[in-house]
Amino acid sequence: MKIEETENIAKKWIIDMWGKPDLSLVDTLVDSNYKPEWIHMDKKGPELIKHEIQHFRSIFPDLKHEIIEIHGEKKKIWVRYKAIGTHKGRSWGFLPTNKTVEFEVAAILYVSGGKVIDLWESFCFYDVLAELGVLPPFWDLHKHLLDYKPK
């Protein structure tokens, strides 16, 4: 594939499929064998992505994505993007906070035959939960340990 084509796939993946969300794109962008190792659920392919989008949208219904930088290659795309959304749904054991959170994500989408076959993605989940106020900031975490004795 040409670099412009792979970058276009990533833009559709992040901005349209996840950001709007446009679930009609899932079948055209996701390979039927898509199942990243780090996602532990019994679904794969388009069914997995549809489930993820619907679940994440139940937590952050107004979630928006903005690409900060993108670099396509013939078989993969490196993307750094920003996500912003309001915590309106219950998940991870926490009630909705109605707070808006903004975080950056680094992703590598692997492409074959015009579809995403694998994904590596990283963001600091702890920071998201701390920003929502459901966990203490990492630098104050020690204060919440059982053996903590202030100096």
N, C-alpha and C. Protein backbone atom coordinates (compact mmCIF):
# COMPACT_ATOMS: atom_id res chain seq x y z
N MET A 1 0.84 -1.19 0.00
CA MET A 1 0.00 0.00 0.00
C MET A 1 0.88 1.25 0.00
N LYS A 2 0.34 2.30 -0.53
CA LYS A 2 1.03 3.58 -0.51
C LYS A 2 0.90 4.19 0.88
N ILE A 3 1.86 5.00 1.24
CA ILE A 3 1.86 5.64 2.55
C ILE A 3 0.60 6.48 2.76
N GLU A 4 0.17 7.19 1.74
CA GLU A 4 -1.04 8.02 1.86
C GLU A 4 -2.26 7.15 2.16
N GLU A 5 -2.30 5.95 1.59
CA GLU A 5 -3.42 5.04 1.82
C GLU A 5 -3.43 4.54 3.26
N THR A 6 -2.26 4.18 3.79
CA THR A 6 -2.23 3.69 5.17
C THR A 6 -2.57 4.81 6.14
N GLU A 7 -2.07 6.02 5.88
CA GLU A 7 -2.42 7.15 6.75
C GLU A 7 -3.91 7.44 6.71
N ASN A 8 -4.52 7.29 5.54
CA ASN A 8 -5.96 7.50 5.41
C ASN A 8 -6.74 6.47 6.23
N ILE A 9 -6.25 5.23 6.25
CA ILE A 9 -6.89 4.19 7.07
C ILE A 9 -6.84 4.60 8.54
N ALA A 10 -5.68 5.07 8.99
CA ALA A 10 -5.54 5.48 10.40
C ALA A 10 -6.45 6.66 10.73
N LYS A 11 -6.56 7.61 9.81
CA LYS A 11 -7.43 8.77 10.04
C LYS A 11 -8.88 8.33 10.16
N LYS A 12 -9.31 7.44 9.27
CA LYS A 12 -10.68 6.93 9.35
C LYS A 12 -10.89 6.17 10.65
N TRP A 13 -9.90 5.37 11.06
CA TRP A 13 -9.96 4.56 12.29
C TRP A 13 -10.15 5.47 13.51
N ILE A 14 -9.31 6.48 13.63
CA ILE A 14 -9.29 7.32 14.83
C ILE A 14 -10.36 8.40 14.80
N ILE A 15 -10.42 9.17 13.73
CA ILE A 15 -11.33 10.31 13.68
C ILE A 15 -12.78 9.90 13.39
N ASP A 16 -12.97 9.03 12.43
CA ASP A 16 -14.34 8.67 12.02
C ASP A 16 -14.90 7.49 12.80
N MET A 17 -14.21 6.35 12.76
CA MET A 17 -14.76 5.14 13.38
C MET A 17 -14.87 5.29 14.89
N TRP A 18 -13.79 5.71 15.56
CA TRP A 18 -13.81 5.89 17.01
C TRP A 18 -14.34 7.26 17.41
N GLY A 19 -13.95 8.30 16.71
CA GLY A 19 -14.25 9.66 17.14
C GLY A 19 -15.68 10.12 16.93
N LYS A 20 -16.36 9.64 15.90
CA LYS A 20 -17.72 10.16 15.65
C LYS A 20 -18.77 9.50 16.52
N PRO A 21 -18.89 8.27 16.78
CA PRO A 21 -18.33 7.09 16.13
C PRO A 21 -19.17 6.67 14.93
N ASP A 22 -18.49 6.10 13.95
CA ASP A 22 -19.16 5.60 12.74
C ASP A 22 -18.92 4.10 12.65
N LEU A 23 -19.85 3.33 13.21
CA LEU A 23 -19.71 1.87 13.23
C LEU A 23 -19.84 1.24 11.85
N SER A 24 -20.35 2.00 10.87
CA SER A 24 -20.46 1.44 9.52
C SER A 24 -19.08 1.23 8.90
N LEU A 25 -18.06 1.88 9.44
CA LEU A 25 -16.69 1.72 8.93
C LEU A 25 -15.99 0.47 9.45
N VAL A 26 -16.49 -0.09 10.52
CA VAL A 26 -15.81 -1.21 11.17
C VAL A 26 -15.55 -2.36 10.20
N ASP A 27 -16.56 -2.79 9.47
CA ASP A 27 -16.41 -3.93 8.57
C ASP A 27 -15.43 -3.66 7.43
N THR A 28 -15.28 -2.40 7.04
CA THR A 28 -14.35 -2.08 5.95
C THR A 28 -12.93 -1.83 6.44
N LEU A 29 -12.76 -1.50 7.73
CA LEU A 29 -11.43 -1.18 8.25
C LEU A 29 -10.78 -2.28 9.08
N VAL A 30 -11.57 -3.21 9.59
CA VAL A 30 -11.06 -4.21 10.54
C VAL A 30 -11.01 -5.60 9.90
N ASP A 31 -9.86 -6.22 9.94
CA ASP A 31 -9.69 -7.58 9.43
C ASP A 31 -10.47 -8.56 10.31
N SER A 32 -10.99 -9.61 9.71
CA SER A 32 -11.80 -10.57 10.45
C SER A 32 -11.01 -11.32 11.53
N ASN A 33 -9.69 -11.36 11.41
CA ASN A 33 -8.86 -12.03 12.42
C ASN A 33 -8.22 -11.06 13.41
N TYR A 34 -8.62 -9.80 13.38
CA TYR A 34 -8.07 -8.80 14.29
C TYR A 34 -8.30 -9.23 15.74
N LYS A 35 -7.23 -9.37 16.50
CA LYS A 35 -7.33 -9.72 17.92
C LYS A 35 -5.99 -9.44 18.60
N PRO A 36 -5.73 -8.17 18.96
CA PRO A 36 -4.47 -7.86 19.64
C PRO A 36 -4.29 -8.71 20.90
N GLU A 37 -3.05 -9.13 21.16
CA GLU A 37 -2.74 -9.98 22.31
C GLU A 37 -3.16 -9.38 23.63
N TRP A 38 -3.08 -8.07 23.75
CA TRP A 38 -3.33 -7.41 25.02
C TRP A 38 -4.81 -7.20 25.32
N ILE A 39 -5.69 -7.53 24.38
CA ILE A 39 -7.13 -7.41 24.63
C ILE A 39 -7.65 -8.79 25.02
N HIS A 40 -8.10 -8.90 26.25
CA HIS A 40 -8.51 -10.20 26.79
C HIS A 40 -10.03 -10.32 26.81
N MET A 41 -10.56 -10.70 25.65
CA MET A 41 -11.98 -11.01 25.58
C MET A 41 -12.19 -12.03 24.47
N ASP A 42 -13.34 -12.64 24.47
CA ASP A 42 -13.59 -13.75 23.55
C ASP A 42 -14.04 -13.33 22.16
N LYS A 43 -13.99 -12.06 21.86
CA LYS A 43 -14.40 -11.58 20.54
C LYS A 43 -13.15 -11.30 19.69
N LYS A 44 -13.36 -11.21 18.37
CA LYS A 44 -12.28 -10.82 17.47
C LYS A 44 -12.87 -10.12 16.26
N GLY A 45 -11.98 -9.51 15.47
CA GLY A 45 -12.41 -8.85 14.24
C GLY A 45 -13.36 -7.70 14.48
N PRO A 46 -14.24 -7.43 13.51
CA PRO A 46 -15.19 -6.33 13.64
C PRO A 46 -16.06 -6.41 14.91
N GLU A 47 -16.41 -7.62 15.32
CA GLU A 47 -17.24 -7.79 16.53
C GLU A 47 -16.52 -7.22 17.76
N LEU A 48 -15.21 -7.44 17.86
CA LEU A 48 -14.43 -6.93 18.98
C LEU A 48 -14.41 -5.40 18.98
N ILE A 49 -14.14 -4.80 17.84
CA ILE A 49 -14.08 -3.34 17.75
C ILE A 49 -15.44 -2.71 18.04
N LYS A 50 -16.49 -3.26 17.48
CA LYS A 50 -17.83 -2.72 17.75
C LYS A 50 -18.13 -2.76 19.25
N HIS A 51 -17.78 -3.86 19.89
CA HIS A 51 -17.97 -3.98 21.34
C HIS A 51 -17.17 -2.92 22.09
N GLU A 52 -15.89 -2.75 21.72
CA GLU A 52 -15.04 -1.77 22.39
C GLU A 52 -15.59 -0.35 22.23
N ILE A 53 -15.96 0.01 21.01
CA ILE A 53 -16.47 1.36 20.76
C ILE A 53 -17.76 1.60 21.56
N GLN A 54 -18.68 0.65 21.52
CA GLN A 54 -19.94 0.81 22.23
C GLN A 54 -19.71 0.90 23.74
N HIS A 55 -18.78 0.07 24.26
CA HIS A 55 -18.48 0.11 25.69
C HIS A 55 -17.85 1.44 26.08
N PHE A 56 -16.83 1.87 25.34
CA PHE A 56 -16.15 3.12 25.68
C PHE A 56 -17.10 4.30 25.53
N ARG A 57 -17.99 4.25 24.54
CA ARG A 57 -18.98 5.32 24.35
C ARG A 57 -20.03 5.33 25.46
N SER A 58 -20.27 4.20 26.12
CA SER A 58 -21.19 4.18 27.25
C SER A 58 -20.57 4.89 28.45
N ILE A 59 -19.25 4.99 28.48
CA ILE A 59 -18.54 5.67 29.56
C ILE A 59 -18.30 7.14 29.21
N PHE A 60 -17.86 7.38 27.98
CA PHE A 60 -17.55 8.73 27.49
C PHE A 60 -18.36 8.98 26.21
N PRO A 61 -19.66 9.31 26.33
CA PRO A 61 -20.51 9.43 25.14
C PRO A 61 -20.12 10.55 24.18
N ASP A 62 -19.42 11.57 24.67
CA ASP A 62 -19.04 12.70 23.81
C ASP A 62 -17.57 12.66 23.41
N LEU A 63 -16.96 11.51 23.48
CA LEU A 63 -15.53 11.36 23.22
C LEU A 63 -15.16 11.86 21.82
N LYS A 64 -14.14 12.69 21.76
CA LYS A 64 -13.62 13.23 20.50
C LYS A 64 -12.13 12.91 20.40
N HIS A 65 -11.66 12.77 19.17
CA HIS A 65 -10.25 12.46 18.91
C HIS A 65 -9.66 13.50 17.97
N GLU A 66 -8.40 13.83 18.21
CA GLU A 66 -7.68 14.76 17.35
C GLU A 66 -6.28 14.21 17.12
N ILE A 67 -5.92 14.03 15.87
CA ILE A 67 -4.58 13.51 15.55
C ILE A 67 -3.56 14.63 15.74
N ILE A 68 -2.53 14.33 16.49
CA ILE A 68 -1.45 15.28 16.74
C ILE A 68 -0.33 15.08 15.72
N GLU A 69 0.04 13.82 15.52
CA GLU A 69 1.01 13.51 14.47
C GLU A 69 0.77 12.11 13.96
N ILE A 70 1.14 11.92 12.70
CA ILE A 70 0.91 10.64 12.03
C ILE A 70 2.06 10.39 11.07
N HIS A 71 2.48 9.13 11.03
CA HIS A 71 3.55 8.74 10.11
C HIS A 71 3.21 7.37 9.54
N GLY A 72 2.86 7.33 8.26
CA GLY A 72 2.50 6.07 7.63
C GLY A 72 3.69 5.40 6.99
N GLU A 73 3.64 4.09 7.00
CA GLU A 73 4.56 3.25 6.25
C GLU A 73 3.69 2.33 5.41
N LYS A 74 4.30 1.43 4.66
CA LYS A 74 3.51 0.58 3.77
C LYS A 74 2.61 -0.40 4.52
N LYS A 75 3.05 -0.87 5.70
CA LYS A 75 2.28 -1.87 6.43
C LYS A 75 1.92 -1.46 7.85
N LYS A 76 2.29 -0.24 8.25
CA LYS A 76 1.90 0.22 9.58
C LYS A 76 1.87 1.74 9.63
N ILE A 77 1.15 2.24 10.63
CA ILE A 77 0.99 3.68 10.80
C ILE A 77 1.23 3.99 12.27
N TRP A 78 2.10 4.95 12.50
CA TRP A 78 2.36 5.45 13.85
C TRP A 78 1.50 6.69 14.04
N VAL A 79 0.75 6.73 15.13
CA VAL A 79 -0.14 7.86 15.36
C VAL A 79 -0.06 8.28 16.83
N ARG A 80 -0.01 9.58 17.03
CA ARG A 80 -0.18 10.14 18.38
C ARG A 80 -1.41 11.02 18.29
N TYR A 81 -2.37 10.77 19.18
CA TYR A 81 -3.59 11.56 19.13
C TYR A 81 -4.08 11.92 20.53
N LYS A 82 -4.96 12.89 20.57
CA LYS A 82 -5.54 13.36 21.82
C LYS A 82 -7.01 12.93 21.85
N ALA A 83 -7.44 12.50 23.02
CA ALA A 83 -8.85 12.16 23.23
C ALA A 83 -9.38 13.04 24.36
N ILE A 84 -10.62 13.46 24.21
CA ILE A 84 -11.26 14.26 25.26
C ILE A 84 -12.71 13.83 25.35
N GLY A 85 -13.18 13.63 26.58
CA GLY A 85 -14.57 13.21 26.77
C GLY A 85 -15.01 13.40 28.21
N THR A 86 -16.32 13.36 28.41
CA THR A 86 -16.92 13.54 29.72
C THR A 86 -17.32 12.18 30.28
N HIS A 87 -16.92 11.91 31.50
CA HIS A 87 -17.17 10.63 32.16
C HIS A 87 -18.63 10.58 32.63
N LYS A 88 -19.48 9.96 31.80
CA LYS A 88 -20.93 9.92 32.07
C LYS A 88 -21.44 8.52 32.41
N GLY A 89 -20.58 7.50 32.23
CA GLY A 89 -21.05 6.13 32.44
C GLY A 89 -20.27 5.41 33.52
N ARG A 90 -20.92 4.44 34.13
CA ARG A 90 -20.29 3.63 35.18
C ARG A 90 -19.39 2.58 34.53
N SER A 91 -18.17 2.48 35.04
CA SER A 91 -17.26 1.45 34.55
C SER A 91 -16.05 1.36 35.46
N TRP A 92 -15.32 0.27 35.33
CA TRP A 92 -14.10 0.02 36.11
C TRP A 92 -14.37 0.12 37.61
N GLY A 93 -15.62 -0.05 38.02
CA GLY A 93 -15.99 0.01 39.43
C GLY A 93 -16.26 1.41 39.95
N PHE A 94 -16.33 2.41 39.07
CA PHE A 94 -16.52 3.79 39.49
C PHE A 94 -17.82 4.34 38.91
N LEU A 95 -18.51 5.14 39.73
CA LEU A 95 -19.70 5.83 39.27
C LEU A 95 -19.28 6.99 38.37
N PRO A 96 -20.17 7.47 37.50
CA PRO A 96 -19.84 8.61 36.65
C PRO A 96 -19.48 9.83 37.50
N THR A 97 -18.48 10.56 37.06
CA THR A 97 -18.05 11.78 37.77
C THR A 97 -18.54 13.04 37.07
N ASN A 98 -18.98 12.92 35.83
CA ASN A 98 -19.37 14.06 34.99
C ASN A 98 -18.23 15.03 34.77
N LYS A 99 -17.00 14.56 34.98
CA LYS A 99 -15.82 15.38 34.71
C LYS A 99 -15.32 15.10 33.30
N THR A 100 -14.74 16.13 32.71
CA THR A 100 -14.13 15.98 31.39
C THR A 100 -12.66 15.65 31.57
N VAL A 101 -12.19 14.69 30.81
CA VAL A 101 -10.80 14.26 30.88
C VAL A 101 -10.19 14.35 29.48
N GLU A 102 -8.91 14.71 29.45
CA GLU A 102 -8.18 14.79 28.19
C GLU A 102 -6.90 13.98 28.36
N PHE A 103 -6.60 13.15 27.36
CA PHE A 103 -5.38 12.34 27.45
C PHE A 103 -4.84 12.08 26.05
N GLU A 104 -3.54 11.79 26.00
CA GLU A 104 -2.89 11.49 24.73
C GLU A 104 -2.66 9.98 24.61
N VAL A 105 -2.71 9.52 23.38
CA VAL A 105 -2.55 8.11 23.07
C VAL A 105 -1.48 7.96 21.99
N ALA A 106 -0.66 6.93 22.14
CA ALA A 106 0.29 6.55 21.10
C ALA A 106 -0.18 5.21 20.54
N ALA A 107 -0.25 5.11 19.22
CA ALA A 107 -0.77 3.88 18.60
C ALA A 107 0.05 3.52 17.37
N ILE A 108 0.12 2.22 17.13
CA ILE A 108 0.66 1.69 15.88
C ILE A 108 -0.40 0.75 15.32
N LEU A 109 -0.89 1.08 14.13
CA LEU A 109 -1.86 0.23 13.46
C LEU A 109 -1.11 -0.55 12.38
N TYR A 110 -1.28 -1.87 12.37
CA TYR A 110 -0.66 -2.74 11.38
C TYR A 110 -1.70 -3.08 10.33
N VAL A 111 -1.34 -2.91 9.06
CA VAL A 111 -2.29 -3.01 7.97
C VAL A 111 -1.87 -4.07 6.97
N SER A 112 -2.85 -4.81 6.47
CA SER A 112 -2.65 -5.75 5.37
C SER A 112 -3.93 -5.82 4.57
N GLY A 113 -3.81 -5.77 3.26
CA GLY A 113 -4.99 -5.85 2.40
C GLY A 113 -5.98 -4.73 2.63
N GLY A 114 -5.51 -3.58 3.07
CA GLY A 114 -6.39 -2.43 3.27
C GLY A 114 -7.16 -2.44 4.58
N LYS A 115 -6.85 -3.40 5.47
CA LYS A 115 -7.55 -3.48 6.75
C LYS A 115 -6.54 -3.56 7.89
N VAL A 116 -6.98 -3.13 9.06
CA VAL A 116 -6.15 -3.20 10.26
C VAL A 116 -6.17 -4.64 10.76
N ILE A 117 -4.97 -5.22 10.88
CA ILE A 117 -4.86 -6.61 11.33
C ILE A 117 -4.39 -6.70 12.78
N ASP A 118 -3.78 -5.62 13.29
CA ASP A 118 -3.29 -5.62 14.67
C ASP A 118 -3.13 -4.18 15.12
N LEU A 119 -3.05 -3.99 16.41
CA LEU A 119 -2.94 -2.67 16.99
C LEU A 119 -2.12 -2.74 18.26
N TRP A 120 -1.22 -1.80 18.41
CA TRP A 120 -0.54 -1.57 19.68
C TRP A 120 -0.92 -0.16 20.07
N GLU A 121 -1.38 0.01 21.31
CA GLU A 121 -1.84 1.32 21.74
C GLU A 121 -1.51 1.52 23.20
N SER A 122 -1.14 2.74 23.56
CA SER A 122 -0.76 3.01 24.94
C SER A 122 -1.19 4.40 25.37
N PHE A 123 -1.73 4.47 26.58
CA PHE A 123 -1.99 5.74 27.24
C PHE A 123 -1.95 5.45 28.74
N CYS A 124 -1.77 6.48 29.54
CA CYS A 124 -1.66 6.28 30.98
C CYS A 124 -3.05 6.24 31.62
N PHE A 125 -3.56 5.03 31.75
CA PHE A 125 -4.89 4.82 32.30
C PHE A 125 -4.98 5.34 33.74
N TYR A 126 -3.90 5.18 34.49
CA TYR A 126 -3.89 5.67 35.87
C TYR A 126 -4.12 7.18 35.90
N ASP A 127 -3.44 7.91 35.01
CA ASP A 127 -3.61 9.37 34.97
C ASP A 127 -5.04 9.76 34.62
N VAL A 128 -5.69 9.00 33.74
CA VAL A 128 -7.08 9.28 33.39
C VAL A 128 -7.96 9.14 34.64
N LEU A 129 -7.78 8.05 35.38
CA LEU A 129 -8.58 7.83 36.59
C LEU A 129 -8.27 8.87 37.66
N ALA A 130 -6.99 9.28 37.77
CA ALA A 130 -6.63 10.33 38.73
C ALA A 130 -7.26 11.67 38.34
N GLU A 131 -7.25 11.98 37.05
CA GLU A 131 -7.85 13.23 36.58
C GLU A 131 -9.36 13.25 36.83
N LEU A 132 -9.98 12.08 36.77
CA LEU A 132 -11.41 11.98 37.07
C LEU A 132 -11.68 12.08 38.56
N GLY A 133 -10.62 11.96 39.37
CA GLY A 133 -10.76 12.08 40.82
C GLY A 133 -11.15 10.80 41.52
N VAL A 134 -11.10 9.67 40.82
CA VAL A 134 -11.47 8.40 41.45
C VAL A 134 -10.25 7.70 42.07
N LEU A 135 -9.05 8.15 41.73
CA LEU A 135 -7.81 7.67 42.32
C LEU A 135 -6.95 8.88 42.68
N PRO A 136 -6.10 8.75 43.69
CA PRO A 136 -5.22 9.88 44.01
C PRO A 136 -4.15 10.03 42.91
N PRO A 137 -3.61 11.23 42.77
CA PRO A 137 -2.50 11.38 41.82
C PRO A 137 -1.36 10.43 42.19
N PHE A 138 -0.65 9.97 41.21
CA PHE A 138 0.41 8.97 41.43
C PHE A 138 1.40 9.43 42.50
N TRP A 139 1.75 10.73 42.48
CA TRP A 139 2.75 11.23 43.43
C TRP A 139 2.22 11.29 44.86
N ASP A 140 0.90 11.15 45.05
CA ASP A 140 0.33 11.09 46.39
C ASP A 140 -0.11 9.69 46.79
N LEU A 141 0.10 8.74 45.94
CA LEU A 141 -0.36 7.38 46.20
C LEU A 141 0.21 6.81 47.49
N HIS A 142 1.46 7.11 47.79
CA HIS A 142 2.10 6.58 48.99
C HIS A 142 1.33 6.96 50.27
N LYS A 143 0.62 8.07 50.25
CA LYS A 143 -0.14 8.52 51.42
C LYS A 143 -1.34 7.61 51.72
N HIS A 144 -1.69 6.79 50.73
CA HIS A 144 -2.86 5.92 50.89
C HIS A 144 -2.48 4.48 51.18
N LEU A 145 -1.21 4.22 51.36
CA LEU A 145 -0.74 2.88 51.67
C LEU A 145 -0.91 2.61 53.17
N LEU A 146 -1.15 1.38 53.52
CA LEU A 146 -1.39 1.03 54.91
C LEU A 146 -0.23 1.37 55.83
N ASP A 147 1.00 1.21 55.38
CA ASP A 147 2.18 1.41 56.21
C ASP A 147 2.74 2.82 56.13
N TYR A 148 2.04 3.75 55.51
CA TYR A 148 2.57 5.10 55.32
C TYR A 148 2.57 5.85 56.65
N LYS A 149 3.74 6.40 56.98
CA LYS A 149 3.87 7.24 58.16
C LYS A 149 4.48 8.55 57.73
N PRO A 150 3.72 9.65 57.85
CA PRO A 150 4.27 10.94 57.42
C PRO A 150 5.49 11.32 58.26
N LYS A 151 6.41 12.04 57.62
CA LYS A 151 7.63 12.48 58.33
C LYS A 151 7.36 13.73 59.11
